[in-house]
């Protein structure tokens, strides 16, 4: 009889334990489902904001699209007095100023990142890294004011005469020299995107396994050969992502560029000439739009800029994935 009661008590205890386990798994399962639904909702919220923004720009630019069609993106006319609008000068200015920025910022950023991650002592690397990141916290309008009063006159008086004397045989460096120009905007953008590229590249280089560095050095490689064969190939996808991030920052910059580029809706081969970008013309003229078609054309400029940004992100994703496949094959 005692054995019977002991067996019954043991069975009851097992059943209670199993019930508690089922209850616990049920609670955890409900929490997991709730978490999955919450994250799904947040993801869909981001997509809905993107689609809502695109639809708002599309509906806002309906009049311009209906009147000009595809001619809007290839026309060089921008004449609000006669309601004639074309986006090509601004697309040209956006692309050229961003390319100038990347040509200057990428080598400087890579050099800074390599110094901070490979050469500088730890105490100096932390302090310099903080100062580099601090550049990203400076407001755009402050960059613009500095560009107007310091950078522009310095380029006009010291850099552009040298470029004109040595490279004046090319159309890029001909023409009158003024302090507001495409070159000034490109240099200012380079300074603004440098901290983004440098910070990301520094983190990428620091993520390279120490054993990979030590293996290269053990085989007799110099420090530069170690960086070239072990660090740079390993971080190739991260470097591409950092460059695309900087390019996206340059494409969308508004206030600083509007203050130093000159805001002239013309295409000129000379980098010394004033120009305009998609973002700068929207900022400068949106408050002055006096007709429905004028406002619609500015909205279509925003739509074009959004499309450029989306295409940039798609291209970045493709480049990063191809770089990762190349790294995997290389290993």
Protein backbone atom coordinates (compact mmCIF):
# COMPACT_ATOMS: atom_id res chain seq x y z
CA UNK A 1 0.00 0.00 0.00
CA UNK A 2 2.85 2.36 0.85
CA UNK A 3 4.45 1.62 -2.49
CA UNK A 4 1.18 2.43 -4.22
CA UNK A 5 0.93 5.83 -2.51
CA UNK A 6 4.57 6.58 -3.31
CA UNK A 7 4.04 5.74 -6.97
CA UNK A 8 0.88 7.85 -7.07
CA UNK A 9 2.66 10.81 -5.49
CA UNK A 10 5.55 10.44 -7.90
CA UNK A 11 3.19 10.37 -10.88
CA UNK A 12 1.39 13.48 -9.65
CA UNK A 13 4.68 15.30 -9.20
CA UNK A 14 5.72 14.39 -12.75
CA UNK A 15 2.38 15.58 -14.10
CA UNK A 16 2.69 18.89 -12.23
CA UNK A 17 6.20 19.35 -13.56
CA UNK A 18 5.08 18.62 -17.11
CA UNK A 19 2.19 21.04 -16.74
CA UNK A 20 4.55 23.78 -15.54
CA UNK A 21 6.82 23.07 -18.50
CA UNK A 22 3.94 23.27 -20.95
CA UNK A 23 2.78 26.49 -19.36
CA UNK A 24 6.29 27.92 -19.55
CA UNK A 25 6.71 26.91 -23.18
CA UNK A 26 3.30 28.38 -23.90
CA UNK A 27 4.25 31.71 -22.35
CA UNK A 28 7.58 31.77 -24.18
CA UNK A 29 5.91 30.79 -27.42
CA UNK A 30 3.39 33.59 -27.05
CA UNK A 31 6.19 36.06 -26.29
CA UNK A 32 8.13 34.91 -29.36
CA UNK A 33 5.08 35.32 -31.58
CA UNK A 34 4.40 38.74 -30.08
CA UNK A 35 8.00 39.77 -30.69
CA UNK A 36 7.86 38.51 -34.29
CA UNK A 37 4.64 40.41 -34.96
CA UNK A 38 6.04 43.58 -33.38
CA UNK A 39 9.21 43.50 -35.48
CA UNK A 40 7.16 42.70 -38.60
CA UNK A 41 4.98 45.70 -37.89
CA UNK A 42 8.00 47.96 -37.48
CA UNK A 43 9.47 46.69 -40.74
CA UNK A 44 6.19 47.26 -42.56
CA UNK A 45 6.00 50.73 -41.01
CA UNK A 46 9.34 51.66 -42.57
CA UNK A 47 8.19 50.37 -45.95
CA UNK A 48 4.89 52.21 -45.64
CA UNK A 49 6.74 55.46 -44.92
CA UNK A 50 8.90 54.93 -48.00
CA UNK A 51 5.92 54.13 -50.22
CA UNK A 52 3.95 57.02 -48.76
CA UNK A 53 6.80 59.41 -49.48
CA UNK A 54 7.12 58.13 -53.04
CA UNK A 55 3.37 58.39 -53.63
CA UNK A 56 3.24 61.92 -52.21
CA UNK A 57 6.03 63.02 -54.55
CA UNK A 58 4.43 61.20 -57.46
CA UNK A 59 1.02 62.82 -56.96
CA UNK A 60 2.62 66.20 -56.28
CA UNK A 61 4.54 66.06 -59.55
CA UNK A 62 1.63 64.80 -61.64
CA UNK A 63 1.22 68.09 -63.53
CA UNK A 64 4.89 68.24 -64.45
CA UNK A 65 4.96 64.59 -65.51
CA UNK A 66 1.86 65.07 -67.63
CA UNK A 67 3.24 68.12 -69.42
CA UNK A 68 6.92 67.26 -69.87
CA UNK A 69 7.07 63.45 -69.61
CA UNK A 70 10.55 61.96 -69.94
CA UNK A 71 11.72 65.20 -71.53
CA UNK A 72 11.90 66.60 -68.01
CA UNK A 73 15.03 64.59 -67.15
CA UNK A 74 16.88 65.38 -70.39
CA UNK A 75 15.94 69.02 -70.86
CA UNK A 76 18.31 71.82 -69.87
CA UNK A 77 15.62 74.51 -69.73
CA UNK A 78 14.80 75.97 -66.33
CA UNK A 79 12.76 79.10 -66.92
CA UNK A 80 10.09 79.71 -64.24
CA UNK A 81 8.98 82.92 -66.02
CA UNK A 82 7.81 80.88 -69.04
CA UNK A 83 6.92 77.69 -67.14
CA UNK A 84 9.63 75.65 -68.86
CA UNK A 85 11.44 73.17 -66.65
CA UNK A 86 14.14 70.56 -67.10
CA UNK A 87 16.15 68.64 -64.53
CA UNK A 88 19.32 67.80 -66.47
CA UNK A 89 21.50 70.69 -65.14
CA UNK A 90 20.66 69.69 -61.58
CA UNK A 91 21.23 65.99 -62.20
CA UNK A 92 24.59 66.89 -63.73
CA UNK A 93 25.51 69.10 -60.78
CA UNK A 94 24.50 66.44 -58.26
CA UNK A 95 26.54 63.70 -59.93
CA UNK A 96 29.65 65.79 -60.63
CA UNK A 97 29.84 67.37 -57.15
CA UNK A 98 29.40 63.94 -55.54
CA UNK A 99 32.10 62.40 -57.73
CA UNK A 100 34.52 65.20 -56.84
CA UNK A 101 33.76 64.59 -53.19
CA UNK A 102 34.46 60.87 -53.50
CA UNK A 103 37.68 61.39 -55.47
CA UNK A 104 39.00 63.51 -52.62
CA UNK A 105 37.41 61.82 -49.61
CA UNK A 106 38.00 58.13 -50.37
CA UNK A 107 41.84 58.20 -50.36
CA UNK A 108 41.88 60.47 -47.30
CA UNK A 109 39.35 58.28 -45.50
CA UNK A 110 41.18 55.05 -46.25
CA UNK A 111 44.49 56.56 -45.15
CA UNK A 112 42.92 57.85 -41.94
CA UNK A 113 41.25 54.51 -41.22
CA UNK A 114 44.45 52.54 -41.83
CA UNK A 115 46.42 54.86 -39.56
CA UNK A 116 43.85 54.64 -36.76
CA UNK A 117 43.54 50.85 -36.97
CA UNK A 118 47.04 49.72 -37.95
CA UNK A 119 49.69 52.31 -37.07
CA UNK A 120 48.60 54.73 -34.37
CA UNK A 121 49.11 53.77 -30.72
CA UNK A 122 45.96 52.93 -28.82
CA UNK A 123 45.82 56.16 -26.80
CA UNK A 124 46.24 58.31 -29.92
CA UNK A 125 43.88 56.19 -32.02
CA UNK A 126 41.01 56.71 -29.56
CA UNK A 127 41.50 60.47 -29.42
CA UNK A 128 41.93 60.97 -33.15
CA UNK A 129 39.00 58.65 -33.86
CA UNK A 130 36.81 60.79 -31.62
CA UNK A 131 37.88 63.95 -33.46
CA UNK A 132 37.18 62.37 -36.84
CA UNK A 133 33.71 61.32 -35.73
CA UNK A 134 33.15 64.80 -34.33
CA UNK A 135 33.29 66.17 -37.88
CA UNK A 136 30.02 64.36 -38.61
CA UNK A 137 28.29 66.25 -35.77
CA UNK A 138 28.98 69.71 -37.20
CA UNK A 139 25.76 71.22 -38.65
CA UNK A 140 25.58 71.66 -42.40
CA UNK A 141 24.98 75.39 -42.15
CA UNK A 142 28.25 75.77 -40.23
CA UNK A 143 30.06 73.97 -43.04
CA UNK A 144 28.33 76.27 -45.49
CA UNK A 145 29.38 79.44 -43.67
CA UNK A 146 32.95 78.17 -43.45
CA UNK A 147 32.84 77.34 -47.14
CA UNK A 148 31.66 80.83 -48.08
CA UNK A 149 34.12 82.82 -45.98
CA UNK A 150 37.17 80.52 -45.82
CA UNK A 151 37.21 77.61 -48.25
CA UNK A 152 35.83 79.41 -51.32
CA UNK A 153 38.23 82.39 -51.20
CA UNK A 154 41.17 80.09 -50.43
CA UNK A 155 40.41 77.88 -53.44
CA UNK A 156 39.92 80.94 -55.65
CA UNK A 157 43.18 82.62 -54.63
CA UNK A 158 45.54 79.68 -54.13
CA UNK A 159 44.28 76.42 -55.64
CA UNK A 160 42.42 77.42 -58.80
CA UNK A 161 45.32 79.53 -60.21
CA UNK A 162 47.63 76.52 -59.86
CA UNK A 163 45.09 74.19 -61.44
CA UNK A 164 44.49 76.64 -64.27
CA UNK A 165 48.21 77.04 -64.94
CA UNK A 166 49.02 73.32 -64.92
CA UNK A 167 45.79 71.72 -66.18
CA UNK A 168 44.22 74.62 -68.06
CA UNK A 169 44.53 72.76 -71.34
CA UNK A 170 41.51 70.69 -70.25
CA UNK A 171 38.01 72.21 -70.16
CA UNK A 172 37.66 71.21 -66.51
CA UNK A 173 40.00 73.93 -65.29
CA UNK A 174 39.25 76.86 -67.56
CA UNK A 175 37.23 80.00 -67.08
CA UNK A 176 36.99 82.82 -64.55
CA UNK A 177 37.75 81.99 -60.94
CA UNK A 178 35.12 82.84 -58.33
CA UNK A 179 34.62 81.68 -54.77
CA UNK A 180 31.29 79.88 -55.41
CA UNK A 181 31.73 77.04 -57.86
CA UNK A 182 31.36 73.33 -58.51
CA UNK A 183 34.90 72.75 -57.24
CA UNK A 184 34.16 74.49 -53.95
CA UNK A 185 31.01 72.41 -53.47
CA UNK A 186 32.88 69.18 -54.24
CA UNK A 187 35.69 69.95 -51.80
CA UNK A 188 33.23 70.91 -49.08
CA UNK A 189 31.27 67.70 -49.65
CA UNK A 190 34.51 65.72 -49.41
CA UNK A 191 35.15 67.18 -45.96
CA UNK A 192 31.58 66.41 -44.91
CA UNK A 193 31.56 62.75 -46.03
CA UNK A 194 35.09 61.98 -44.83
CA UNK A 195 34.10 61.12 -41.22
CA UNK A 196 31.40 58.69 -42.38
CA UNK A 197 33.71 56.74 -44.67
CA UNK A 198 36.66 56.87 -42.27
CA UNK A 199 34.65 55.71 -39.25
CA UNK A 200 33.10 52.75 -41.06
CA UNK A 201 36.43 51.72 -42.63
CA UNK A 202 38.16 51.94 -39.25
CA UNK A 203 35.63 49.55 -37.72
CA UNK A 204 35.97 47.24 -40.72
CA UNK A 205 39.76 47.11 -40.45
CA UNK A 206 39.63 46.53 -36.70
CA UNK A 207 37.32 43.57 -37.29
CA UNK A 208 40.01 41.74 -39.30
CA UNK A 209 41.21 38.77 -37.18
CA UNK A 210 44.58 39.30 -35.52
CA UNK A 211 45.65 35.84 -36.62
CA UNK A 212 45.36 36.94 -40.23
CA UNK A 213 47.75 39.82 -39.62
CA UNK A 214 50.15 37.63 -37.65
CA UNK A 215 50.16 34.99 -40.38
CA UNK A 216 51.14 37.55 -43.01
CA UNK A 217 53.89 38.97 -40.81
CA UNK A 218 55.15 35.48 -39.97
CA UNK A 219 55.58 34.77 -43.68
CA UNK A 220 57.94 37.75 -43.94
CA UNK A 221 55.54 40.43 -45.13
CA UNK A 222 56.22 44.05 -44.29
CA UNK A 223 53.53 46.08 -42.56
CA UNK A 224 52.37 47.53 -45.89
CA UNK A 225 52.34 44.08 -47.51
CA UNK A 226 50.35 42.78 -44.54
CA UNK A 227 47.79 45.57 -45.00
CA UNK A 228 47.64 45.02 -48.76
CA UNK A 229 47.32 41.23 -48.67
CA UNK A 230 45.50 40.56 -45.40
CA UNK A 231 43.55 43.63 -44.27
CA UNK A 232 42.26 45.30 -47.43
CA UNK A 233 40.98 42.14 -49.16
CA UNK A 234 39.23 41.00 -45.99
CA UNK A 235 37.42 44.32 -45.61
CA UNK A 236 36.60 44.90 -49.28
CA UNK A 237 32.85 44.61 -48.88
CA UNK A 238 32.90 46.94 -45.88
CA UNK A 239 34.97 49.49 -47.80
CA UNK A 240 32.48 49.45 -50.66
CA UNK A 241 29.61 49.89 -48.22
CA UNK A 242 31.38 52.84 -46.58
CA UNK A 243 31.97 54.51 -49.95
CA UNK A 244 28.33 54.07 -50.93
CA UNK A 245 27.29 55.52 -47.58
CA UNK A 246 29.46 58.56 -48.25
CA UNK A 247 28.05 58.88 -51.76
CA UNK A 248 24.52 58.82 -50.41
CA UNK A 249 25.43 61.55 -47.94
CA UNK A 250 26.93 63.66 -50.73
CA UNK A 251 23.94 63.22 -53.04
CA UNK A 252 21.45 64.38 -50.44
CA UNK A 253 23.36 67.29 -48.89
CA UNK A 254 21.40 70.53 -49.25
CA UNK A 255 22.20 73.60 -47.18
CA UNK A 256 25.99 73.59 -47.34
CA UNK A 257 26.00 72.89 -51.07
CA UNK A 258 23.36 75.56 -51.75
CA UNK A 259 25.56 78.12 -49.99
CA UNK A 260 28.75 77.47 -51.99
CA UNK A 261 27.82 76.04 -55.42
CA UNK A 262 26.50 79.27 -56.98
CA UNK A 263 23.03 77.92 -57.89
CA UNK A 264 23.15 78.50 -61.65
CA UNK A 265 20.94 76.10 -63.68
CA UNK A 266 23.46 75.54 -66.46
CA UNK A 267 25.77 72.72 -67.50
CA UNK A 268 29.38 73.79 -67.74
CA UNK A 269 32.44 71.64 -68.28
CA UNK A 270 34.52 73.94 -66.08
CA UNK A 271 34.72 73.12 -62.39
CA UNK A 272 35.35 76.80 -61.73
CA UNK A 273 31.83 77.70 -62.89
CA UNK A 274 28.74 77.88 -60.64
CA UNK A 275 26.21 75.07 -60.85
CA UNK A 276 23.29 73.61 -58.89
CA UNK A 277 22.14 70.26 -57.52
CA UNK A 278 18.74 68.64 -57.14
CA UNK A 279 18.67 69.26 -53.41
CA UNK A 280 19.97 72.84 -53.59
CA UNK A 281 17.45 74.04 -56.17
CA UNK A 282 14.57 72.56 -54.19
CA UNK A 283 15.75 74.33 -51.03
CA UNK A 284 16.33 77.64 -52.82
CA UNK A 285 13.18 77.85 -54.93
CA UNK A 286 10.46 75.90 -53.15
CA UNK A 287 9.31 78.92 -51.13
CA UNK A 288 9.28 81.05 -54.29
CA UNK A 289 7.16 78.70 -56.43
CA UNK A 290 4.38 80.94 -57.74
CA UNK A 291 2.57 78.58 -60.11
CA UNK A 292 1.18 75.09 -59.87
CA UNK A 293 3.48 73.79 -62.61
CA UNK A 294 6.51 75.38 -60.93
CA UNK A 295 5.70 73.64 -57.65
CA UNK A 296 4.99 70.38 -59.46
CA UNK A 297 8.37 70.55 -61.21
CA UNK A 298 10.15 71.01 -57.91
CA UNK A 299 8.26 68.01 -56.56
CA UNK A 300 9.41 66.00 -59.55
CA UNK A 301 13.00 67.01 -58.78
CA UNK A 302 12.47 65.46 -55.36
CA UNK A 303 11.09 62.34 -57.03
CA UNK A 304 14.18 62.15 -59.23
CA UNK A 305 16.42 62.51 -56.19
CA UNK A 306 14.52 59.75 -54.41
CA UNK A 307 14.88 57.49 -57.44
CA UNK A 308 18.62 58.19 -57.57
CA UNK A 309 18.90 57.27 -53.89
CA UNK A 310 16.99 54.01 -54.36
CA UNK A 311 19.09 53.05 -57.37
CA UNK A 312 22.20 53.84 -55.35
CA UNK A 313 21.12 51.51 -52.55
CA UNK A 314 20.34 48.71 -55.01
CA UNK A 315 23.74 49.15 -56.65
CA UNK A 316 25.41 49.17 -53.23
CA UNK A 317 23.69 45.93 -52.28
CA UNK A 318 24.82 44.29 -55.51
CA UNK A 319 28.41 45.49 -55.07
CA UNK A 320 28.60 44.35 -51.46
CA UNK A 321 27.19 40.91 -52.27
CA UNK A 322 29.60 40.47 -55.19
CA UNK A 323 32.50 41.56 -52.96
CA UNK A 324 31.48 39.06 -50.29
CA UNK A 325 31.32 36.29 -52.87
CA UNK A 326 34.78 37.29 -54.04
CA UNK A 327 36.09 37.19 -50.48
CA UNK A 328 34.56 33.77 -49.96
CA UNK A 329 36.15 32.42 -53.14
CA UNK A 330 39.46 33.99 -52.18
CA UNK A 331 39.47 32.20 -48.84
